[in-house]
Amino acid sequence: MKTANILFAFLVPGSLALAQAQFPVSLEPMTQLRKGVDAWPLISHPSTPGERQVNDALNRLNENMVRSLKECDANYWAKQVHQPLTGKNAVGQDWERTIAITMTGPRFLSIVAIDGFVFCGGAHPDRDTLAMVFDLTTGKPANWMNLIGKSANASAYSDTNSDGTTVGALIVHALRVMTQAKADKECKDAFRNPQSYQLWPDAKSGTLTAEPFGLPHVVAACADDITLTPDQARKVGFDETLLSAIAQAHQHFVASAINPAKPVIPPFPAALASVLSEVQASSRLPVLLPSELPLPVANAKYAVVDTASEGEYAISLNYELDAGDSGFAASFEANSHADYVPRDLPNVDEVKLSRGLVGYFRPVGCDGSCAPANLWWEENRILYQIQLKLSSTLPEGDQRRLIITAANSAILAGPR
């Protein structure tokens, strides 16, 4: 059996990048596939296509692990006992796996599995570290090459781990130099040639971990982790997208540890903050504003209170003032006495939102001039609405994802 490590990374294309990263998600309670073997935990109540795709990937990995356990049992029994495996004499402790959650956002979900003992009847037991890193905005796989600059002279590498999953890593000269410098005398020769590394972020320490990937069994014990501080990771060449997310996750971890009873509310665009007190002074409705907006909407600098009364409010976000539709970027509205039901509107699709809420999405529509993308949802008998001015050439699926992400960030942040 080949000893290796597993790493998946999921990233959003730059043209659709979000100004604020996905705020921490909640995971379902840890379970075991069998005694001593932790299962990959799923996102609790996934509310976006990206989160559902992450869960699909984790479910497939759990299914693959179940098959690998059965094959391992059969191989162990055949090689060690020299008899066919039956249900009555199945092996129970030939594979041990412990899973730790190292980051739950923003942007990235990181889960690390330690296979402390894998013995399927071969010459030697195997030990693996398996890191799963997901981008919460898309759930799609991407190359770690996208998260490191050209100056690092990095290259991609792939191999398989103990359960047969093909995974990717990076070969980075600077990491090999750091590993060799800290290695014991008997391990230094193991790192004289180019070496691949798997990577994962850690919210508790605010660091990026790099671990030697795919070492031969005879030197597997030399695979000591390198813990990179943000400055060290930056010098190696890692991208600010990743480092910023780790820094935010660390801040959230520290704040939660200091006062776990007080939720950490993510920030929202400064332009919206400038009008918040005006709305709160006139309206009794909970003001929901997103912490995540797509570019270029997030760069709009001017907010205007269009309406604010006891039972409603409307805030517009603009690139320019007094420029009409050409200066419009987004709007955020709430109404406790709306005279319509969004599901009855034309050209709307039902979508799932955070906290089990149901929304109604309408894409950009162009008939002479173009109307913005819309999303409505009802919470506590209040009808909320978000409009985003998105390009009419943007695929409808991407429009849906971006506006749902904005709505979910408002819902999860709660009243401002």
Protein backbone atom coordinates (compact mmCIF):
# COMPACT_ATOMS: atom_id res chain seq x y z
CA MET A 1 0.00 0.00 0.00
CA LYS A 2 1.29 3.47 -0.85
CA THR A 3 1.65 6.02 1.90
CA ALA A 4 0.57 9.46 0.73
CA ASN A 5 -1.60 12.38 1.71
CA ILE A 6 -4.81 13.85 0.36
CA LEU A 7 -5.59 17.49 -0.35
CA PHE A 8 -8.54 19.10 -2.09
CA ALA A 9 -8.89 22.86 -2.64
CA PHE A 10 -11.94 24.64 -3.97
CA LEU A 11 -11.74 28.24 -5.19
CA VAL A 12 -13.89 30.87 -6.88
CA PRO A 13 -12.85 32.40 -10.22
CA GLY A 14 -11.38 35.86 -9.81
CA SER A 15 -14.02 37.57 -11.94
CA LEU A 16 -16.73 36.41 -9.56
CA ALA A 17 -14.77 36.88 -6.34
CA LEU A 18 -16.63 38.03 -3.24
CA ALA A 19 -15.59 41.13 -1.38
CA GLN A 20 -16.12 39.41 1.96
CA ALA A 21 -15.45 35.72 2.50
CA GLN A 22 -18.07 33.25 3.57
CA PHE A 23 -18.48 33.50 7.34
CA PRO A 24 -17.97 30.33 9.41
CA VAL A 25 -20.32 27.44 8.67
CA SER A 26 -21.62 24.90 11.17
CA LEU A 27 -20.84 21.21 10.80
CA GLU A 28 -22.93 18.25 11.84
CA PRO A 29 -21.82 16.30 14.94
CA MET A 30 -18.95 13.89 14.41
CA THR A 31 -19.89 10.28 13.67
CA GLN A 32 -17.94 7.10 12.97
CA LEU A 33 -18.10 4.73 10.03
CA ARG A 34 -17.21 2.02 12.51
CA LYS A 35 -15.39 1.91 15.83
CA GLY A 36 -12.16 3.87 15.60
CA VAL A 37 -12.86 5.33 12.14
CA ASP A 38 -14.22 8.88 12.05
CA ALA A 39 -16.44 9.95 9.15
CA TRP A 40 -15.97 13.20 7.26
CA PRO A 41 -18.48 15.61 8.87
CA LEU A 42 -20.99 17.37 6.64
CA ILE A 43 -22.02 21.03 6.58
CA SER A 44 -25.17 21.45 8.65
CA HIS A 45 -28.08 22.84 6.62
CA PRO A 46 -26.11 23.70 3.45
CA SER A 47 -27.74 26.74 1.86
CA THR A 48 -25.76 27.42 -1.31
CA PRO A 49 -24.88 25.29 -4.35
CA GLY A 50 -21.23 25.42 -3.30
CA GLU A 51 -21.97 24.12 0.20
CA ARG A 52 -24.15 21.33 -1.21
CA GLN A 53 -21.36 20.39 -3.62
CA VAL A 54 -18.92 20.21 -0.71
CA ASN A 55 -21.31 17.84 1.09
CA ASP A 56 -21.62 15.72 -2.05
CA ALA A 57 -17.83 15.40 -2.15
CA LEU A 58 -17.65 14.48 1.54
CA ASN A 59 -20.41 11.91 1.11
CA ARG A 60 -18.52 10.33 -1.79
CA LEU A 61 -15.35 10.17 0.30
CA ASN A 62 -17.23 8.49 3.14
CA GLU A 63 -18.67 5.96 0.68
CA ASN A 64 -15.20 5.35 -0.75
CA MET A 65 -13.83 4.85 2.76
CA VAL A 66 -16.51 2.24 3.53
CA ARG A 67 -15.44 0.31 0.40
CA SER A 68 -11.77 0.64 1.36
CA LEU A 69 -12.48 -0.71 4.85
CA LYS A 70 -14.17 -3.79 3.37
CA GLU A 71 -11.25 -4.38 1.00
CA CYS A 72 -8.77 -3.87 3.83
CA ASP A 73 -10.63 -6.39 6.00
CA ALA A 74 -10.65 -8.95 3.20
CA ASN A 75 -6.94 -8.47 2.44
CA TYR A 76 -5.99 -8.68 6.10
CA TRP A 77 -7.94 -11.87 6.61
CA ALA A 78 -6.60 -13.51 3.46
CA LYS A 79 -2.95 -12.64 4.17
CA GLN A 80 -2.85 -13.05 7.93
CA VAL A 81 -5.43 -15.78 8.59
CA HIS A 82 -5.34 -17.39 5.12
CA GLN A 83 -9.12 -17.79 5.02
CA PRO A 84 -11.92 -15.98 3.17
CA LEU A 85 -13.47 -13.13 5.12
CA THR A 86 -17.01 -13.65 6.44
CA GLY A 87 -19.36 -11.38 8.32
CA LYS A 88 -18.77 -13.36 11.51
CA ASN A 89 -15.01 -12.89 11.55
CA ALA A 90 -14.65 -9.37 10.12
CA VAL A 91 -11.62 -7.36 11.20
CA GLY A 92 -12.40 -4.51 13.56
CA GLN A 93 -9.17 -2.61 14.19
CA ASP A 94 -7.10 -2.74 11.01
CA TRP A 95 -7.77 0.95 10.23
CA GLU A 96 -7.90 3.88 12.66
CA ARG A 97 -8.88 7.40 11.61
CA THR A 98 -9.24 10.57 13.69
CA ILE A 99 -10.65 13.76 12.14
CA ALA A 100 -10.05 17.36 13.26
CA ILE A 101 -11.74 20.49 11.92
CA THR A 102 -9.08 23.17 11.50
CA MET A 103 -11.09 25.98 9.83
CA THR A 104 -14.78 26.57 9.10
CA GLY A 105 -14.47 29.84 7.19
CA PRO A 106 -14.29 32.48 6.06
CA ARG A 107 -13.94 31.26 2.49
CA PHE A 108 -12.30 27.93 3.28
CA LEU A 109 -13.47 24.83 5.13
CA SER A 110 -10.52 22.69 6.27
CA ILE A 111 -10.84 19.20 7.74
CA VAL A 112 -7.82 17.02 8.52
CA ALA A 113 -7.90 13.24 9.01
CA ILE A 114 -5.10 11.30 10.71
CA ASP A 115 -4.93 7.65 9.75
CA GLY A 116 -2.94 6.54 12.77
CA PHE A 117 -2.84 2.86 11.86
CA VAL A 118 -3.61 1.20 8.51
CA PHE A 119 -2.72 -2.50 8.33
CA CYS A 120 -4.41 -4.46 5.57
CA GLY A 121 -2.16 -7.51 5.70
CA GLY A 122 0.89 -6.09 3.91
CA ALA A 123 4.49 -5.98 5.08
CA HIS A 124 4.10 -2.83 7.15
CA PRO A 125 1.33 -0.70 8.64
CA ASP A 126 0.77 2.69 6.98
CA ARG A 127 0.11 6.10 8.52
CA ASP A 128 -1.40 8.97 6.59
CA THR A 129 -2.45 12.58 7.02
CA LEU A 130 -5.39 13.55 4.85
CA ALA A 131 -6.36 17.23 4.52
CA MET A 132 -9.62 18.35 2.91
CA VAL A 133 -9.78 22.05 2.02
CA PHE A 134 -12.90 23.47 0.36
CA ASP A 135 -13.93 26.88 -0.92
CA LEU A 136 -17.35 27.56 0.57
CA THR A 137 -18.45 29.79 -2.29
CA THR A 138 -18.23 27.20 -5.08
CA GLY A 139 -17.37 23.71 -3.87
CA LYS A 140 -15.39 23.14 -7.07
CA PRO A 141 -11.85 21.72 -7.14
CA ALA A 142 -9.00 24.04 -8.06
CA ASN A 143 -5.26 23.83 -8.34
CA TRP A 144 -3.14 25.01 -5.39
CA MET A 145 -1.05 26.68 -8.04
CA ASN A 146 -3.76 29.38 -8.03
CA LEU A 147 -2.86 30.25 -4.44
CA ILE A 148 0.87 30.74 -4.85
CA GLY A 149 2.74 33.33 -6.89
CA LYS A 150 5.03 32.65 -9.83
CA SER A 151 7.99 33.86 -7.77
CA ALA A 152 7.75 30.66 -5.68
CA ASN A 153 8.62 28.53 -8.74
CA ALA A 154 6.11 25.95 -7.50
CA SER A 155 4.85 23.01 -9.52
CA ALA A 156 1.87 20.69 -9.16
CA TYR A 157 2.09 17.08 -7.99
CA SER A 158 -0.44 14.28 -7.53
CA ASP A 159 -0.44 10.82 -5.94
CA THR A 160 -2.81 8.43 -4.17
CA ASN A 161 -3.44 7.92 -0.46
CA SER A 162 -4.26 4.84 1.59
CA ASP A 163 -7.87 4.61 0.44
CA GLY A 164 -6.87 5.07 -3.21
CA THR A 165 -7.98 8.67 -3.68
CA THR A 166 -5.96 10.65 -6.23
CA VAL A 167 -4.92 13.93 -4.68
CA GLY A 168 -2.87 17.00 -5.51
CA ALA A 169 -0.07 18.90 -3.79
CA LEU A 170 2.67 21.45 -4.46
CA ILE A 171 6.40 21.09 -4.99
CA VAL A 172 7.92 24.24 -3.48
CA HIS A 173 11.68 24.71 -3.20
CA ALA A 174 11.44 27.10 -0.24
CA LEU A 175 9.44 24.57 1.78
CA ARG A 176 11.98 21.82 1.09
CA VAL A 177 14.80 24.11 2.29
CA MET A 178 12.88 24.82 5.50
CA THR A 179 12.18 21.11 6.04
CA GLN A 180 15.80 20.13 5.51
CA ALA A 181 17.00 22.85 7.88
CA LYS A 182 14.87 21.54 10.77
CA ALA A 183 15.22 17.81 9.97
CA ASP A 184 17.16 15.42 12.19
CA LYS A 185 20.49 14.19 10.83
CA GLU A 186 19.04 10.86 9.72
CA CYS A 187 16.26 12.62 7.77
CA LYS A 188 18.21 15.31 5.91
CA ASP A 189 19.03 13.04 2.97
CA ALA A 190 15.31 12.38 2.43
CA PHE A 191 14.90 16.00 1.31
CA ARG A 192 17.81 16.45 -1.08
CA ASN A 193 15.53 16.12 -4.10
CA PRO A 194 12.36 18.10 -4.99
CA GLN A 195 9.64 17.36 -2.43
CA SER A 196 5.86 17.78 -2.62
CA TYR A 197 3.72 19.14 0.21
CA GLN A 198 0.08 19.09 1.16
CA LEU A 199 -1.26 22.21 2.85
CA TRP A 200 -4.05 23.24 5.16
CA PRO A 201 -5.02 26.40 7.11
CA ASP A 202 -5.45 26.42 10.88
CA ALA A 203 -7.79 28.97 12.49
CA LYS A 204 -6.65 28.35 16.06
CA SER A 205 -3.01 29.26 15.41
CA GLY A 206 -3.60 31.53 12.42
CA THR A 207 -1.04 29.60 10.39
CA LEU A 208 -0.64 27.54 7.22
CA THR A 209 0.59 23.98 7.69
CA ALA A 210 2.77 22.27 5.07
CA GLU A 211 3.49 18.55 5.39
CA PRO A 212 5.82 16.46 3.20
CA PHE A 213 3.69 14.39 0.85
CA GLY A 214 4.21 10.83 -0.38
CA LEU A 215 7.51 9.95 1.28
CA PRO A 216 8.69 6.32 0.89
CA HIS A 217 7.72 4.10 3.80
CA VAL A 218 11.32 3.81 5.01
CA VAL A 219 11.51 7.58 5.67
CA ALA A 220 7.82 8.25 6.37
CA ALA A 221 8.70 9.19 9.96
CA CYS A 222 10.60 12.20 8.58
CA ALA A 223 7.38 13.88 7.40
CA ASP A 224 7.34 16.59 10.07
CA ASP A 225 4.97 19.51 9.56
CA ILE A 226 6.12 23.05 8.84
CA THR A 227 3.95 25.69 10.48
CA LEU A 228 4.06 28.91 8.47
CA THR A 229 3.16 32.22 10.07
CA PRO A 230 1.42 34.70 7.75
CA ASP A 231 4.72 36.54 7.16
CA GLN A 232 6.55 33.30 6.42
CA ALA A 233 3.80 32.12 4.04
CA ARG A 234 3.86 35.51 2.32
CA LYS A 235 7.64 35.28 1.82
CA VAL A 236 7.25 31.81 0.31
CA GLY A 237 4.80 33.35 -2.15
CA PHE A 238 1.32 32.32 -1.01
CA ASP A 239 -1.54 34.51 -2.19
CA GLU A 240 -3.24 37.15 -0.04
CA THR A 241 -6.64 35.57 -0.72
CA LEU A 242 -5.62 32.58 1.37
CA LEU A 243 -3.68 34.53 4.00
CA SER A 244 -6.49 37.04 4.54
CA ALA A 245 -8.99 34.23 5.09
CA ILE A 246 -6.69 32.58 7.64
CA ALA A 247 -6.22 35.88 9.49
CA GLN A 248 -9.99 36.45 9.68
CA ALA A 249 -10.56 32.89 10.86
CA HIS A 250 -7.96 33.35 13.60
CA GLN A 251 -9.58 36.60 14.74
CA HIS A 252 -12.95 34.85 14.91
CA PHE A 253 -11.44 31.96 16.88
CA VAL A 254 -9.80 34.30 19.40
CA ALA A 255 -12.95 36.40 19.82
CA SER A 256 -15.07 33.29 20.32
CA ALA A 257 -12.63 31.90 22.88
CA ILE A 258 -12.65 35.16 24.86
CA ASN A 259 -16.45 35.45 24.88
CA PRO A 260 -18.07 32.29 23.49
CA ALA A 261 -21.56 33.49 24.43
CA LYS A 262 -21.27 36.59 22.24
CA PRO A 263 -21.56 35.91 18.51
CA VAL A 264 -18.98 37.53 16.25
CA ILE A 265 -20.87 39.59 13.67
CA PRO A 266 -19.07 39.98 10.35
CA PRO A 267 -18.55 43.49 9.01
CA PHE A 268 -20.51 45.00 6.13
CA PRO A 269 -19.52 47.62 3.55
CA ALA A 270 -18.58 50.98 5.08
CA ALA A 271 -20.96 52.83 2.75
CA LEU A 272 -23.92 50.96 4.27
CA ALA A 273 -22.64 51.60 7.78
CA SER A 274 -22.88 55.33 7.10
CA VAL A 275 -26.69 55.19 6.81
CA LEU A 276 -27.49 52.48 9.35
CA SER A 277 -28.26 54.84 12.23
CA GLU A 278 -30.68 56.81 10.03
CA VAL A 279 -32.65 53.66 9.23
CA GLN A 280 -32.63 52.44 12.83
CA ALA A 281 -33.96 55.79 14.04
CA SER A 282 -37.05 55.58 11.82
CA SER A 283 -37.84 51.87 11.41
CA ARG A 284 -38.66 49.22 13.98
CA LEU A 285 -37.77 46.40 11.57
CA PRO A 286 -34.58 44.35 12.04
CA VAL A 287 -32.06 45.71 9.53
CA LEU A 288 -30.40 42.89 7.58
CA LEU A 289 -27.35 43.89 5.53
CA PRO A 290 -24.88 41.56 3.78
CA SER A 291 -21.26 41.09 4.75
CA GLU A 292 -20.56 39.57 1.34
CA LEU A 293 -21.08 41.34 -1.97
CA PRO A 294 -19.64 40.47 -5.37
CA LEU A 295 -17.25 42.73 -7.19
CA PRO A 296 -17.71 45.38 -8.47
CA VAL A 297 -20.83 45.95 -6.32
CA ALA A 298 -18.75 45.89 -3.15
CA ASN A 299 -16.74 48.86 -4.44
CA ALA A 300 -19.79 51.16 -4.61
CA LYS A 301 -19.18 54.08 -2.24
CA TYR A 302 -22.51 55.87 -1.85
CA ALA A 303 -25.48 54.63 0.20
CA VAL A 304 -28.84 56.41 0.26
CA VAL A 305 -31.88 55.80 2.48
CA ASP A 306 -34.73 55.78 -0.01
CA THR A 307 -37.41 54.91 2.55
CA ALA A 308 -37.45 54.49 6.32
CA SER A 309 -40.64 54.21 8.36
CA GLU A 310 -41.97 52.08 11.18
CA GLY A 311 -42.87 49.16 8.94
CA GLU A 312 -40.38 49.38 6.08
CA TYR A 313 -37.00 50.55 4.87
CA ALA A 314 -35.11 50.71 1.56
CA ILE A 315 -31.39 51.41 1.13
CA SER A 316 -29.69 51.81 -2.23
CA LEU A 317 -25.96 51.42 -2.87
CA ASN A 318 -24.56 53.46 -5.74
CA TYR A 319 -21.39 53.94 -7.74
CA GLU A 320 -22.37 57.56 -8.37
CA LEU A 321 -25.05 59.81 -6.91
CA ASP A 322 -27.76 61.37 -9.09
CA ALA A 323 -26.78 59.18 -12.04
CA GLY A 324 -29.97 57.12 -12.29
CA ASP A 325 -29.76 53.48 -13.32
CA SER A 326 -26.18 53.88 -14.57
CA GLY A 327 -24.98 54.71 -11.05
CA PHE A 328 -27.02 52.01 -9.27
CA ALA A 329 -25.20 49.01 -7.70
CA ALA A 330 -27.60 47.29 -5.24
CA SER A 331 -30.54 47.77 -2.91
CA PHE A 332 -31.68 46.23 0.38
CA GLU A 333 -35.29 46.44 1.46
CA ALA A 334 -37.69 45.19 4.13
CA ASN A 335 -41.46 45.53 4.42
CA SER A 336 -43.82 44.23 7.11
CA HIS A 337 -46.98 45.00 5.12
CA ALA A 338 -46.11 44.03 1.54
CA ASP A 339 -49.14 43.65 -0.73
CA TYR A 340 -47.68 40.78 -2.78
CA VAL A 341 -46.23 37.30 -2.31
CA PRO A 342 -42.90 36.72 -4.14
CA ARG A 343 -43.71 33.16 -5.20
CA ASP A 344 -46.58 34.60 -7.29
CA LEU A 345 -44.28 36.92 -9.22
CA PRO A 346 -43.36 36.02 -12.81
CA ASN A 347 -40.02 34.43 -13.70
CA VAL A 348 -38.99 33.45 -10.16
CA ASP A 349 -37.38 30.22 -8.95
CA GLU A 350 -37.56 28.89 -5.41
CA VAL A 351 -34.15 28.60 -3.70
CA LYS A 352 -32.94 27.39 -0.31
CA LEU A 353 -31.33 29.87 2.08
CA SER A 354 -29.58 29.66 5.43
CA ARG A 355 -31.49 28.72 8.59
CA GLY A 356 -34.03 26.76 6.57
CA LEU A 357 -35.51 29.83 4.90
CA VAL A 358 -36.95 29.77 1.40
CA GLY A 359 -36.15 32.47 -1.14
CA TYR A 360 -37.33 33.43 -4.60
CA PHE A 361 -34.76 34.34 -7.23
CA ARG A 362 -35.21 36.29 -10.45
CA PRO A 363 -32.23 36.73 -12.80
CA VAL A 364 -31.23 39.88 -14.67
CA GLY A 365 -33.87 40.72 -17.25
CA CYS A 366 -33.30 42.90 -20.30
CA ASP A 367 -36.14 44.35 -22.36
CA GLY A 368 -34.84 47.62 -23.71
CA SER A 369 -33.05 48.34 -20.42
CA CYS A 370 -31.82 45.71 -17.94
CA ALA A 371 -33.42 45.09 -14.53
CA PRO A 372 -31.14 43.86 -11.71
CA ALA A 373 -31.11 40.36 -10.25
CA ASN A 374 -33.58 39.99 -7.35
CA LEU A 375 -33.96 37.75 -4.32
CA TRP A 376 -36.89 37.82 -1.88
CA TRP A 377 -37.40 35.91 1.36
CA GLU A 378 -39.71 36.15 4.35
CA GLU A 379 -38.53 35.98 7.94
CA ASN A 380 -40.70 36.64 11.01
CA ARG A 381 -43.48 37.96 8.75
CA ILE A 382 -41.17 40.54 7.20
CA LEU A 383 -40.48 40.45 3.46
CA TYR A 384 -36.83 41.14 2.64
CA GLN A 385 -35.47 41.90 -0.82
CA ILE A 386 -31.99 42.26 -2.30
CA GLN A 387 -31.25 43.62 -5.77
CA LEU A 388 -27.80 43.36 -7.38
CA LYS A 389 -26.79 45.00 -10.62
CA LEU A 390 -25.02 42.12 -12.36
CA SER A 391 -23.88 41.79 -15.96
CA SER A 392 -26.54 40.48 -18.34
CA THR A 393 -23.84 38.21 -19.83
CA LEU A 394 -23.21 36.49 -16.49
CA PRO A 395 -24.66 32.95 -16.55
CA GLU A 396 -27.87 32.60 -14.58
CA GLY A 397 -26.31 30.00 -12.29
CA ASP A 398 -23.56 32.43 -11.29
CA GLN A 399 -26.12 35.20 -10.72
CA ARG A 400 -28.08 32.88 -8.46
CA ARG A 401 -24.98 31.88 -6.48
CA LEU A 402 -23.78 35.43 -5.94
CA ILE A 403 -27.11 36.85 -4.76
CA ILE A 404 -27.79 33.82 -2.53
CA THR A 405 -24.36 34.25 -0.92
CA ALA A 406 -25.14 37.92 -0.26
CA ALA A 407 -28.54 37.07 1.24
CA ASN A 408 -27.14 34.28 3.41
CA SER A 409 -24.44 36.57 4.79
CA ALA A 410 -27.17 39.02 5.84
CA ILE A 411 -29.32 36.29 7.36
CA LEU A 412 -26.46 34.71 9.31
CA ALA A 413 -25.14 38.06 10.57
CA GLY A 414 -28.58 38.91 11.99
CA PRO A 415 -29.94 42.38 12.78
CA ARG A 416 -27.37 45.17 12.56
